[in-house]
Amino acid sequence: MTLRLRMLPPCLALYLLAACAPPVDETDTALTQQAFAGDEDDPDSHSQGTQLHATPVRTVMYDEALVQHDGALRVATLKLMRGEIVANMPLSVDGTTPSLMFCGGGAPANETRGCGFIVDGQGVCSPGKAVALVGGDSGSLRNRCTGAPVVRVCAGEAPCEHQGPGYLASANSNFSLNNCPAVTFTCPSSGVYTALAGPGTPNTTWVMQLTSRSSTYPTTRKVLRGEELIGARLRQPSTGPALVVEDVINGNALPKTEGSGMWEPSGHTFLYQVRYTTASVPLCSTGANWAVPVKGLFDLQGTRYESPRGFTLGCDAGVIAKCYRWGYQPWLDGATPGPVTEAHWSCTRMARADYCGQGTSFTLDGTRIRPWDALTPAIISAPSPDSSSNDLTFEAGWNTAGPACLSHLRWKHLTAPCVPLNPPIYDANGNIVNDCRDPNTPYAPGKCAEICDDADQAARYYGSRVFNQSAINTP
């Protein structure tokens, strides 16, 4: 059996194993404006690009971020929850007050006294909302207190005096059925409160457990997310300047930068406008000034790897963000990277036409492609046979290392002499004798030519799950 390669250009066959040019360092390469307009006649096609991150910043650290809270910058640790940055800010008791001192003789046996309290705990709540804090298990008669406890609630993280600065409310146990106090107050603007407690009569034994169903109590941290992160400082590795978050928007409220609809309609993705703290220069200087957080890191060669220390901010103009926007969102895999994470990585190779798998792009910004996949269920469905755009034909099947098999190059003049695929070998009659699809080829896997003319062949022979069509473009 002999098969002819119908679309592989001669330049690819001649130079398939030659050395590849080194990857372009995005730090030193000027970014160019990309064409993001969708094709009205072919809504399933997308414009791809040449940049990976579309910013020189490749790593944002999880630790030692600074967040704006109650008029001050506070240290916080970041994490990604789905497509959102979430900051965990530790709480602390800010200072002391006379009410935390031991009571001498003659101190009143009520909640107004200025001694004999301890800091019971701190809570977080929604500013302006009513909060109920009760002793025992939400006032159950089966969970009684001893010592007729008293409670005082203070705004923020500082303890307070009765009716003094920061004071919110107080209560005693005099009229409760379970000998426990219950207090209701309005959550302060900081979203944090501190509860003081002690026995009704100073210097006596007491037992009480404060709980709340209308706030989080007790807790040692405050979680900030969404617009609460405006003003936050994000840390690069030691060599880079800090970044400041200037704006935050949910992806379901931002129109797509190509085609119609919203950027990411699920509501689980937030986009961030970020600039450098050392100058008024945006992180994303090309295209839309929005970046999406993505788990994992990518190096200059386009290799993705897991990191417990940092994550990626992909600017809208780069293919990390594009592939995310097309639906390949790594968080869909859950805590452990899986098929969607691999599809996203493969997509970044496909979108850039990274034929060499070394980070070099062999396409032009704004070139139309039609991607799809063989995931279960599919994130992007295969194009229908009666697609309106007949100039797009099968190009390649992709994996995380680049093309697993190839039918044609995207641009005739952008030859890729470093494609890590085996070149076809022709007999005297022009037939390919080392086609991997030929069960009778004498060439073993690793020696045969990785040729595919459709997604079925790419999946069956080469294990690809991400595919694309493109035109055979000429300058």
Foldseek 3Di string as FASTA:
>chain_A
DFAFQDFADPLCQVQVAPDFDAFDQLVPDDDDAFDFAADPQFNLKGFFAAFAQLFNFFWWWQFQKWFDFPRDTAGWGWDDDQFWIKTKGFAAQDDAFQQDAADDPPFALADQTRHFKDFPAKWFADAFDKWKKKWFDVQDLVGAKPQFKKKWKFAGRYDDHVVGHRTWDIWTQPPGNRSMTMDMGGHHPRRMMIMMMGGSGHPDDIDIDMDIPRTDPGDGIDMDTFQSRQQMWIDGPPVDAIKGWHHKDFQQVDFDSYDGHTQANPRSHMWTWMDGPVDRHTRNNYDDRIWIKAAFTADQQLATDHDPTTTGTGGSNHLLSVLVSLPLHQCVVPPDGDDSNFQSLQSNLVSQVVQQLGNGRQDHRRFMKRKWFQDVVTSRDDDDPVRPDPQWFWAAFTTNSHGLAGSYGQEPVRDGSNRPFARFDADPVNTGQQAQVDPPRPADPVHGGRHDRDPVCCCPRRNGTMTMIGGHHYD
